Amino acid sequence: MRARAALIALALVLGGCTLRPLYSGGANGPVVQALHGIQVAPIPGQGGWLVRTALQDRLGGSEGDPVRYRLEVELNDDITGFGIRSDDAVTRERRTLRARYRLVETGRGEVVIDATAGSDAGIDVVSSEYATVAAEQTALEHLAAEVADQIVSRVALYASRGGRRPQPAPAAPSQAPR
């Protein structure tokens, strides 16, 4: 009986919730249509190719779609060694991929989003150089996918607001000392 009452209470609380699905409307929804209208500018380097390919896959546009936005991405890919043994050999690396991205409305040339995304991964350095290089490559592939997911999520949120930036919270009135 308690469980049933809890479920009814939960249903009533969630019924008044103002949450709505980000991708409501499916393929014809406004967010998906906005994502289809984004052209990803070329990004230099291997990491750039991986990020651009992941972005294009997630945005899902085709050549026939009208371009409303251009997405410009600058990457910083860094590998840092740590975990030094007594013989100065590195036993662990950290690969960091950071992206600064800008969403530019092509009609006006206005930057509507200017933000960053990034992720990092730990890599074990083993005696086989091939295995270490393969681990570094695999880490880059995973990081590129993670960065692309972060960028698309942020752009989709922007599109869900109808192309409006979030409004800053109003400043609290200051109280002068008496």
N, C-alpha and C. Protein backbone atom coordinates (compact mmCIF):
# COMPACT_ATOMS: atom_id res chain seq x y z
N MET A 1 0.82 -1.19 0.00
CA MET A 1 0.00 0.00 0.00
C MET A 1 0.88 1.26 0.00
N ARG A 2 1.95 1.24 0.80
CA ARG A 2 2.86 2.39 0.84
C ARG A 2 3.52 2.64 -0.51
N ALA A 3 3.92 1.56 -1.16
CA ALA A 3 4.57 1.68 -2.46
C ALA A 3 3.63 2.30 -3.48
N ARG A 4 2.36 1.90 -3.44
CA ARG A 4 1.37 2.45 -4.36
C ARG A 4 1.18 3.95 -4.10
N ALA A 5 1.12 4.33 -2.85
CA ALA A 5 0.96 5.75 -2.50
C ALA A 5 2.18 6.56 -2.94
N ALA A 6 3.35 5.97 -2.79
CA ALA A 6 4.57 6.67 -3.21
C ALA A 6 4.58 6.85 -4.73
N LEU A 7 4.15 5.82 -5.47
CA LEU A 7 4.10 5.94 -6.92
C LEU A 7 3.10 7.00 -7.37
N ILE A 8 1.95 7.07 -6.71
CA ILE A 8 0.95 8.08 -7.05
C ILE A 8 1.49 9.47 -6.76
N ALA A 9 2.15 9.63 -5.63
CA ALA A 9 2.73 10.93 -5.28
C ALA A 9 3.81 11.32 -6.28
N LEU A 10 4.63 10.37 -6.67
CA LEU A 10 5.68 10.64 -7.65
C LEU A 10 5.09 11.04 -8.99
N ALA A 11 4.03 10.36 -9.41
CA ALA A 11 3.38 10.70 -10.68
C ALA A 11 2.79 12.11 -10.64
N LEU A 12 2.22 12.49 -9.51
CA LEU A 12 1.66 13.84 -9.39
C LEU A 12 2.75 14.91 -9.42
N VAL A 13 3.87 14.63 -8.76
CA VAL A 13 4.97 15.59 -8.74
C VAL A 13 5.57 15.73 -10.13
N LEU A 14 5.82 14.61 -10.81
CA LEU A 14 6.41 14.66 -12.14
C LEU A 14 5.45 15.24 -13.17
N GLY A 15 4.16 15.12 -12.93
CA GLY A 15 3.17 15.68 -13.85
C GLY A 15 3.27 17.19 -13.94
N GLY A 16 3.68 17.83 -12.88
CA GLY A 16 3.81 19.28 -12.87
C GLY A 16 5.19 19.75 -13.28
N CYS A 17 6.04 18.84 -13.63
CA CYS A 17 7.41 19.17 -14.01
C CYS A 17 7.42 19.87 -15.37
N THR A 18 8.29 20.85 -15.52
CA THR A 18 8.37 21.59 -16.79
C THR A 18 9.48 21.07 -17.70
N LEU A 19 10.03 19.93 -17.38
CA LEU A 19 11.05 19.36 -18.24
C LEU A 19 10.42 18.91 -19.55
N ARG A 20 11.16 19.07 -20.62
CA ARG A 20 10.70 18.57 -21.91
C ARG A 20 11.90 17.97 -22.63
N PRO A 21 11.64 16.97 -23.46
CA PRO A 21 12.74 16.31 -24.16
C PRO A 21 13.47 17.27 -25.09
N LEU A 22 14.79 17.16 -25.12
CA LEU A 22 15.61 18.02 -25.96
C LEU A 22 15.32 17.78 -27.44
N TYR A 23 15.15 16.53 -27.80
CA TYR A 23 14.93 16.18 -29.20
C TYR A 23 13.46 15.88 -29.48
N SER A 24 12.54 16.61 -28.85
CA SER A 24 11.12 16.37 -29.09
C SER A 24 10.81 16.66 -30.55
N GLY A 25 9.92 15.89 -31.10
CA GLY A 25 9.57 16.04 -32.51
C GLY A 25 10.37 15.13 -33.41
N GLY A 26 11.33 14.41 -32.86
CA GLY A 26 12.11 13.47 -33.64
C GLY A 26 12.89 14.14 -34.76
N ALA A 27 12.94 13.49 -35.92
CA ALA A 27 13.73 13.99 -37.04
C ALA A 27 13.20 15.31 -37.60
N ASN A 28 11.93 15.60 -37.36
CA ASN A 28 11.34 16.84 -37.85
C ASN A 28 11.30 17.93 -36.79
N GLY A 29 11.84 17.65 -35.61
CA GLY A 29 11.83 18.63 -34.52
C GLY A 29 12.77 19.79 -34.79
N PRO A 30 12.57 20.90 -34.08
CA PRO A 30 13.39 22.09 -34.31
C PRO A 30 14.88 21.90 -33.98
N VAL A 31 15.19 21.11 -32.97
CA VAL A 31 16.59 20.92 -32.60
C VAL A 31 17.32 20.12 -33.68
N VAL A 32 16.72 19.04 -34.12
CA VAL A 32 17.36 18.21 -35.15
C VAL A 32 17.51 19.01 -36.43
N GLN A 33 16.50 19.78 -36.80
CA GLN A 33 16.59 20.60 -38.01
C GLN A 33 17.70 21.65 -37.89
N ALA A 34 17.84 22.25 -36.72
CA ALA A 34 18.93 23.22 -36.51
C ALA A 34 20.29 22.54 -36.61
N LEU A 35 20.42 21.33 -36.05
CA LEU A 35 21.69 20.61 -36.12
C LEU A 35 22.04 20.25 -37.56
N HIS A 36 21.03 19.92 -38.37
CA HIS A 36 21.28 19.61 -39.78
C HIS A 36 21.80 20.82 -40.54
N GLY A 37 21.51 22.02 -40.06
CA GLY A 37 21.92 23.24 -40.74
C GLY A 37 23.29 23.75 -40.33
N ILE A 38 24.12 22.89 -39.71
CA ILE A 38 25.45 23.31 -39.25
C ILE A 38 26.52 22.69 -40.14
N GLN A 39 27.39 23.55 -40.65
CA GLN A 39 28.53 23.11 -41.44
C GLN A 39 29.76 23.15 -40.54
N VAL A 40 30.52 22.07 -40.49
CA VAL A 40 31.72 22.00 -39.65
C VAL A 40 32.93 22.38 -40.50
N ALA A 41 33.62 23.43 -40.09
CA ALA A 41 34.82 23.86 -40.80
C ALA A 41 35.93 22.82 -40.62
N PRO A 42 36.83 22.71 -41.58
CA PRO A 42 37.96 21.77 -41.43
C PRO A 42 38.78 22.08 -40.17
N ILE A 43 39.26 21.02 -39.53
CA ILE A 43 40.07 21.14 -38.31
C ILE A 43 41.39 20.44 -38.61
N PRO A 44 42.53 21.14 -38.47
CA PRO A 44 43.81 20.51 -38.83
C PRO A 44 44.23 19.37 -37.91
N GLY A 45 45.02 18.47 -38.45
CA GLY A 45 45.62 17.39 -37.66
C GLY A 45 44.75 16.15 -37.60
N GLN A 46 45.37 15.08 -37.09
CA GLN A 46 44.65 13.82 -36.96
C GLN A 46 43.51 13.93 -35.96
N GLY A 47 43.76 14.56 -34.82
CA GLY A 47 42.70 14.78 -33.84
C GLY A 47 41.58 15.63 -34.43
N GLY A 48 41.95 16.61 -35.24
CA GLY A 48 40.95 17.45 -35.89
C GLY A 48 40.07 16.66 -36.84
N TRP A 49 40.70 15.74 -37.60
CA TRP A 49 39.93 14.91 -38.50
C TRP A 49 38.95 14.04 -37.71
N LEU A 50 39.43 13.47 -36.59
CA LEU A 50 38.56 12.61 -35.78
C LEU A 50 37.40 13.40 -35.18
N VAL A 51 37.68 14.60 -34.65
CA VAL A 51 36.62 15.42 -34.05
C VAL A 51 35.63 15.86 -35.13
N ARG A 52 36.13 16.31 -36.27
CA ARG A 52 35.24 16.78 -37.34
C ARG A 52 34.34 15.66 -37.83
N THR A 53 34.91 14.48 -38.03
CA THR A 53 34.13 13.33 -38.47
C THR A 53 33.05 12.98 -37.44
N ALA A 54 33.42 12.98 -36.17
CA ALA A 54 32.46 12.68 -35.11
C ALA A 54 31.36 13.74 -35.07
N LEU A 55 31.72 15.01 -35.24
CA LEU A 55 30.71 16.07 -35.25
C LEU A 55 29.76 15.90 -36.43
N GLN A 56 30.30 15.62 -37.60
CA GLN A 56 29.44 15.46 -38.78
C GLN A 56 28.49 14.27 -38.59
N ASP A 57 28.98 13.19 -37.99
CA ASP A 57 28.12 12.03 -37.73
C ASP A 57 26.98 12.39 -36.78
N ARG A 58 27.29 13.16 -35.74
CA ARG A 58 26.29 13.50 -34.74
C ARG A 58 25.31 14.57 -35.22
N LEU A 59 25.78 15.49 -36.03
CA LEU A 59 24.91 16.56 -36.54
C LEU A 59 23.97 16.03 -37.61
N GLY A 60 24.41 15.07 -38.38
CA GLY A 60 23.54 14.36 -39.30
C GLY A 60 23.07 15.13 -40.51
N GLY A 61 23.66 16.23 -40.85
CA GLY A 61 23.24 16.97 -42.03
C GLY A 61 23.67 16.30 -43.31
N SER A 62 23.06 16.73 -44.41
CA SER A 62 23.47 16.23 -45.73
C SER A 62 23.76 17.41 -46.63
N GLU A 63 24.29 17.15 -47.80
CA GLU A 63 24.70 18.23 -48.69
C GLU A 63 23.54 19.10 -49.14
N GLY A 64 22.33 18.58 -49.16
CA GLY A 64 21.19 19.35 -49.61
C GLY A 64 20.61 20.29 -48.55
N ASP A 65 21.03 20.13 -47.31
CA ASP A 65 20.48 20.96 -46.22
C ASP A 65 21.01 22.39 -46.31
N PRO A 66 20.13 23.37 -46.10
CA PRO A 66 20.62 24.76 -46.09
C PRO A 66 21.53 24.99 -44.89
N VAL A 67 22.62 25.73 -45.10
CA VAL A 67 23.58 25.99 -44.04
C VAL A 67 23.19 27.28 -43.34
N ARG A 68 22.89 27.17 -42.05
CA ARG A 68 22.54 28.34 -41.26
C ARG A 68 23.68 28.76 -40.33
N TYR A 69 24.48 27.76 -39.93
CA TYR A 69 25.57 28.02 -38.99
C TYR A 69 26.86 27.37 -39.51
N ARG A 70 27.99 27.93 -39.07
CA ARG A 70 29.30 27.33 -39.31
C ARG A 70 29.92 27.08 -37.94
N LEU A 71 30.42 25.88 -37.74
CA LEU A 71 31.06 25.51 -36.48
C LEU A 71 32.56 25.51 -36.70
N GLU A 72 33.26 26.37 -35.97
CA GLU A 72 34.72 26.48 -36.06
C GLU A 72 35.32 25.92 -34.78
N VAL A 73 36.28 25.02 -34.92
CA VAL A 73 36.87 24.35 -33.76
C VAL A 73 38.39 24.45 -33.83
N GLU A 74 38.99 24.83 -32.70
CA GLU A 74 40.45 24.82 -32.55
C GLU A 74 40.79 23.80 -31.47
N LEU A 75 41.71 22.89 -31.77
CA LEU A 75 42.06 21.83 -30.82
C LEU A 75 43.43 22.04 -30.21
N ASN A 76 43.57 21.57 -28.99
CA ASN A 76 44.86 21.49 -28.31
C ASN A 76 44.98 20.05 -27.80
N ASP A 77 45.88 19.29 -28.40
CA ASP A 77 46.09 17.88 -28.04
C ASP A 77 47.45 17.78 -27.36
N ASP A 78 47.47 17.27 -26.14
CA ASP A 78 48.70 17.24 -25.37
C ASP A 78 48.86 15.89 -24.67
N ILE A 79 50.08 15.38 -24.69
CA ILE A 79 50.41 14.17 -23.93
C ILE A 79 51.49 14.53 -22.92
N THR A 80 51.22 14.26 -21.66
CA THR A 80 52.16 14.57 -20.59
C THR A 80 52.53 13.28 -19.88
N GLY A 81 53.83 13.07 -19.70
CA GLY A 81 54.30 11.89 -18.99
C GLY A 81 54.39 12.16 -17.49
N PHE A 82 54.00 11.18 -16.72
CA PHE A 82 54.18 11.25 -15.27
C PHE A 82 54.31 9.82 -14.77
N GLY A 83 54.39 9.62 -13.52
CA GLY A 83 54.65 8.28 -13.01
C GLY A 83 56.07 7.85 -13.32
N ILE A 84 57.03 8.69 -12.96
CA ILE A 84 58.43 8.46 -13.28
C ILE A 84 59.03 7.43 -12.30
N ARG A 85 59.72 6.44 -12.87
CA ARG A 85 60.43 5.45 -12.04
C ARG A 85 61.79 6.00 -11.64
N SER A 86 62.47 5.26 -10.81
CA SER A 86 63.79 5.70 -10.34
C SER A 86 64.81 5.78 -11.48
N ASP A 87 64.59 5.05 -12.58
CA ASP A 87 65.50 5.14 -13.72
C ASP A 87 65.05 6.19 -14.74
N ASP A 88 64.18 7.11 -14.32
CA ASP A 88 63.64 8.21 -15.13
C ASP A 88 62.76 7.75 -16.29
N ALA A 89 62.27 6.54 -16.26
CA ALA A 89 61.36 6.06 -17.30
C ALA A 89 59.92 6.44 -16.92
N VAL A 90 59.18 6.90 -17.91
CA VAL A 90 57.77 7.27 -17.71
C VAL A 90 56.94 6.00 -17.70
N THR A 91 56.06 5.87 -16.72
CA THR A 91 55.21 4.69 -16.63
C THR A 91 53.74 5.00 -16.92
N ARG A 92 53.41 6.27 -16.98
CA ARG A 92 52.01 6.67 -17.19
C ARG A 92 52.00 7.99 -17.95
N GLU A 93 51.01 8.13 -18.84
CA GLU A 93 50.83 9.37 -19.58
C GLU A 93 49.38 9.84 -19.44
N ARG A 94 49.20 11.12 -19.62
CA ARG A 94 47.85 11.68 -19.65
C ARG A 94 47.71 12.40 -20.98
N ARG A 95 46.71 11.98 -21.75
CA ARG A 95 46.42 12.66 -23.02
C ARG A 95 45.21 13.56 -22.80
N THR A 96 45.38 14.82 -23.15
CA THR A 96 44.34 15.82 -22.94
C THR A 96 43.96 16.40 -24.29
N LEU A 97 42.68 16.44 -24.57
CA LEU A 97 42.17 17.06 -25.79
C LEU A 97 41.20 18.16 -25.38
N ARG A 98 41.53 19.39 -25.73
CA ARG A 98 40.70 20.55 -25.43
C ARG A 98 40.29 21.20 -26.74
N ALA A 99 39.07 21.69 -26.78
CA ALA A 99 38.57 22.34 -27.98
C ALA A 99 37.94 23.68 -27.61
N ARG A 100 38.30 24.69 -28.36
CA ARG A 100 37.57 25.96 -28.28
C ARG A 100 36.74 26.00 -29.55
N TYR A 101 35.45 26.18 -29.38
CA TYR A 101 34.59 26.17 -30.56
C TYR A 101 33.69 27.39 -30.58
N ARG A 102 33.37 27.79 -31.80
CA ARG A 102 32.50 28.93 -32.04
C ARG A 102 31.43 28.53 -33.05
N LEU A 103 30.18 28.83 -32.72
CA LEU A 103 29.08 28.63 -33.65
C LEU A 103 28.76 30.00 -34.23
N VAL A 104 28.93 30.11 -35.54
CA VAL A 104 28.76 31.39 -36.22
C VAL A 104 27.52 31.32 -37.09
N GLU A 105 26.61 32.28 -36.92
CA GLU A 105 25.45 32.37 -37.79
C GLU A 105 25.93 32.92 -39.13
N THR A 106 25.80 32.14 -40.18
CA THR A 106 26.41 32.50 -41.46
C THR A 106 25.80 33.74 -42.09
N GLY A 107 24.52 33.97 -41.92
CA GLY A 107 23.87 35.12 -42.53
C GLY A 107 24.40 36.45 -42.03
N ARG A 108 24.63 36.53 -40.73
CA ARG A 108 25.08 37.79 -40.12
C ARG A 108 26.55 37.77 -39.73
N GLY A 109 27.15 36.61 -39.71
CA GLY A 109 28.55 36.51 -39.29
C GLY A 109 28.71 36.67 -37.79
N GLU A 110 27.63 36.55 -37.05
CA GLU A 110 27.65 36.74 -35.59
C GLU A 110 27.99 35.43 -34.89
N VAL A 111 28.90 35.50 -33.92
CA VAL A 111 29.23 34.34 -33.09
C VAL A 111 28.15 34.21 -32.03
N VAL A 112 27.41 33.10 -32.07
CA VAL A 112 26.32 32.90 -31.12
C VAL A 112 26.72 32.00 -29.96
N ILE A 113 27.73 31.18 -30.14
CA ILE A 113 28.29 30.38 -29.05
C ILE A 113 29.81 30.45 -29.16
N ASP A 114 30.46 30.75 -28.06
CA ASP A 114 31.91 30.72 -27.97
C ASP A 114 32.23 30.01 -26.66
N ALA A 115 32.64 28.75 -26.75
CA ALA A 115 32.79 27.94 -25.54
C ALA A 115 33.95 26.96 -25.71
N THR A 116 34.17 26.17 -24.67
CA THR A 116 35.21 25.15 -24.70
C THR A 116 34.64 23.80 -24.31
N ALA A 117 35.33 22.76 -24.74
CA ALA A 117 35.00 21.39 -24.37
C ALA A 117 36.33 20.66 -24.21
N GLY A 118 36.32 19.60 -23.46
CA GLY A 118 37.57 18.86 -23.33
C GLY A 118 37.41 17.62 -22.48
N SER A 119 38.40 16.78 -22.60
CA SER A 119 38.43 15.55 -21.83
C SER A 119 39.88 15.06 -21.78
N ASP A 120 40.13 14.13 -20.88
CA ASP A 120 41.47 13.56 -20.80
C ASP A 120 41.38 12.08 -20.49
N ALA A 121 42.50 11.39 -20.76
CA ALA A 121 42.55 9.95 -20.54
C ALA A 121 43.94 9.57 -20.05
N GLY A 122 43.98 8.57 -19.18
CA GLY A 122 45.25 8.04 -18.70
C GLY A 122 45.70 6.89 -19.57
N ILE A 123 47.01 6.80 -19.79
CA ILE A 123 47.58 5.76 -20.65
C ILE A 123 48.74 5.11 -19.91
N ASP A 124 48.72 3.78 -19.85
CA ASP A 124 49.85 3.05 -19.28
C ASP A 124 50.95 2.94 -20.32
N VAL A 125 52.16 3.28 -19.93
CA VAL A 125 53.32 3.12 -20.81
C VAL A 125 53.94 1.77 -20.48
N VAL A 126 53.96 0.90 -21.49
CA VAL A 126 54.46 -0.45 -21.27
C VAL A 126 55.76 -0.64 -22.05
N SER A 127 56.37 -1.79 -21.90
CA SER A 127 57.67 -2.04 -22.53
C SER A 127 57.57 -2.09 -24.05
N SER A 128 56.41 -2.42 -24.59
CA SER A 128 56.23 -2.47 -26.04
C SER A 128 55.87 -1.08 -26.55
N GLU A 129 56.74 -0.51 -27.37
CA GLU A 129 56.47 0.82 -27.92
C GLU A 129 55.22 0.80 -28.79
N TYR A 130 55.02 -0.28 -29.54
CA TYR A 130 53.83 -0.41 -30.38
C TYR A 130 52.56 -0.36 -29.53
N ALA A 131 52.55 -1.07 -28.42
CA ALA A 131 51.37 -1.09 -27.55
C ALA A 131 51.10 0.30 -26.97
N THR A 132 52.14 1.03 -26.63
CA THR A 132 51.97 2.38 -26.08
C THR A 132 51.40 3.32 -27.15
N VAL A 133 51.94 3.25 -28.36
CA VAL A 133 51.43 4.09 -29.46
C VAL A 133 49.97 3.74 -29.76
N ALA A 134 49.65 2.47 -29.76
CA ALA A 134 48.27 2.04 -30.00
C ALA A 134 47.34 2.56 -28.91
N ALA A 135 47.80 2.53 -27.66
CA ALA A 135 46.99 3.06 -26.55
C ALA A 135 46.79 4.56 -26.68
N GLU A 136 47.84 5.28 -27.12
CA GLU A 136 47.71 6.73 -27.33
C GLU A 136 46.70 7.02 -28.43
N GLN A 137 46.73 6.23 -29.50
CA GLN A 137 45.80 6.41 -30.61
C GLN A 137 44.36 6.12 -30.18
N THR A 138 44.18 5.04 -29.45
CA THR A 138 42.85 4.69 -28.96
C THR A 138 42.32 5.78 -28.04
N ALA A 139 43.18 6.31 -27.19
CA ALA A 139 42.77 7.40 -26.30
C ALA A 139 42.32 8.61 -27.11
N LEU A 140 43.06 8.96 -28.16
CA LEU A 140 42.68 10.10 -29.00
C LEU A 140 41.31 9.87 -29.65
N GLU A 141 41.06 8.66 -30.12
CA GLU A 141 39.76 8.36 -30.73
C GLU A 141 38.63 8.52 -29.73
N HIS A 142 38.82 8.04 -28.51
CA HIS A 142 37.79 8.18 -27.47
C HIS A 142 37.61 9.64 -27.07
N LEU A 143 38.71 10.36 -26.94
CA LEU A 143 38.63 11.78 -26.56
C LEU A 143 37.92 12.60 -27.63
N ALA A 144 38.19 12.30 -28.90
CA ALA A 144 37.54 13.02 -30.00
C ALA A 144 36.03 12.81 -29.94
N ALA A 145 35.60 11.60 -29.67
CA ALA A 145 34.17 11.32 -29.56
C ALA A 145 33.55 12.05 -28.37
N GLU A 146 34.25 12.07 -27.24
CA GLU A 146 33.76 12.76 -26.05
C GLU A 146 33.64 14.26 -26.28
N VAL A 147 34.64 14.86 -26.90
CA VAL A 147 34.61 16.30 -27.18
C VAL A 147 33.48 16.62 -28.15
N ALA A 148 33.30 15.79 -29.18
CA ALA A 148 32.21 16.00 -30.14
C ALA A 148 30.86 15.91 -29.43
N ASP A 149 30.69 14.95 -28.53
CA ASP A 149 29.44 14.83 -27.77
C ASP A 149 29.17 16.10 -26.95
N GLN A 150 30.20 16.62 -26.29
CA GLN A 150 30.03 17.83 -25.50
C GLN A 150 29.61 19.03 -26.37
N ILE A 151 30.25 19.16 -27.52
CA ILE A 151 29.94 20.28 -28.41
C ILE A 151 28.51 20.17 -28.93
N VAL A 152 28.12 18.98 -29.39
CA VAL A 152 26.77 18.81 -29.93
C VAL A 152 25.72 19.02 -28.84
N SER A 153 25.99 18.57 -27.63
CA SER A 153 25.04 18.79 -26.53
C SER A 153 24.83 20.28 -26.28
N ARG A 154 25.89 21.04 -26.27
CA ARG A 154 25.79 22.49 -26.03
C ARG A 154 25.07 23.19 -27.17
N VAL A 155 25.36 22.80 -28.40
CA VAL A 155 24.70 23.40 -29.56
C VAL A 155 23.22 23.01 -29.58
N ALA A 156 22.90 21.77 -29.24
CA ALA A 156 21.50 21.33 -29.20
C ALA A 156 20.73 22.11 -28.13
N LEU A 157 21.35 22.38 -27.00
CA LEU A 157 20.70 23.17 -25.96
C LEU A 157 20.40 24.58 -26.47
N TYR A 158 21.35 25.16 -27.18
CA TYR A 158 21.15 26.48 -27.79
C TYR A 158 19.96 26.43 -28.76
N ALA A 159 19.94 25.39 -29.60
CA ALA A 159 18.85 25.26 -30.57
C ALA A 159 17.50 25.03 -29.89
N SER A 160 17.50 24.34 -28.76
CA SER A 160 16.23 24.08 -28.06
C SER A 160 15.62 25.35 -27.49
N ARG A 161 16.44 26.36 -27.30
CA ARG A 161 15.95 27.65 -26.81
C ARG A 161 15.55 28.56 -27.96
N GLY A 162 15.44 28.00 -29.13
CA GLY A 162 15.05 28.78 -30.30
C GLY A 162 16.14 29.69 -30.80
N GLY A 163 17.39 29.33 -30.55
CA GLY A 163 18.50 30.15 -31.01
C GLY A 163 18.77 31.34 -30.13
N ARG A 164 18.32 31.24 -28.88
CA ARG A 164 18.56 32.35 -27.94
C ARG A 164 19.57 31.90 -26.90
N ARG A 165 20.42 32.82 -26.54
CA ARG A 165 21.38 32.54 -25.47
C ARG A 165 20.66 32.60 -24.13
N PRO A 166 21.11 31.83 -23.14
CA PRO A 166 20.48 31.92 -21.82
C PRO A 166 20.67 33.32 -21.24
N GLN A 167 19.63 33.81 -20.63
CA GLN A 167 19.69 35.14 -20.02
C GLN A 167 20.37 35.04 -18.66
N PRO A 168 21.26 35.99 -18.36
CA PRO A 168 21.89 35.97 -17.04
C PRO A 168 20.85 36.26 -15.96
N ALA A 169 21.08 35.70 -14.81
CA ALA A 169 20.18 35.93 -13.68
C ALA A 169 20.24 37.40 -13.29
N PRO A 170 19.09 37.97 -12.93
CA PRO A 170 19.11 39.37 -12.52
C PRO A 170 19.96 39.56 -11.27
N ALA A 171 20.65 40.68 -11.23
CA ALA A 171 21.50 40.96 -10.07
C ALA A 171 20.62 41.26 -8.86
N ALA A 172 21.05 40.76 -7.74
CA ALA A 172 20.32 41.05 -6.51
C ALA A 172 20.55 42.50 -6.11
N PRO A 173 19.50 43.16 -5.66
CA PRO A 173 19.69 44.56 -5.25
C PRO A 173 20.65 44.62 -4.08
N SER A 174 21.56 45.57 -4.15
CA SER A 174 22.52 45.69 -3.05
C SER A 174 21.89 46.46 -1.90
N GLN A 175 22.26 46.08 -0.74
CA GLN A 175 21.74 46.71 0.45
C GLN A 175 22.82 47.64 1.01
N ALA A 176 22.50 48.88 1.10
CA ALA A 176 23.45 49.84 1.66
C ALA A 176 23.42 49.72 3.17
N PRO A 177 24.59 49.79 3.81
CA PRO A 177 24.62 49.70 5.28
C PRO A 177 23.93 50.92 5.88
N ARG A 178 23.24 50.68 6.96
CA ARG A 178 22.51 51.77 7.62
C ARG A 178 23.23 52.24 8.84
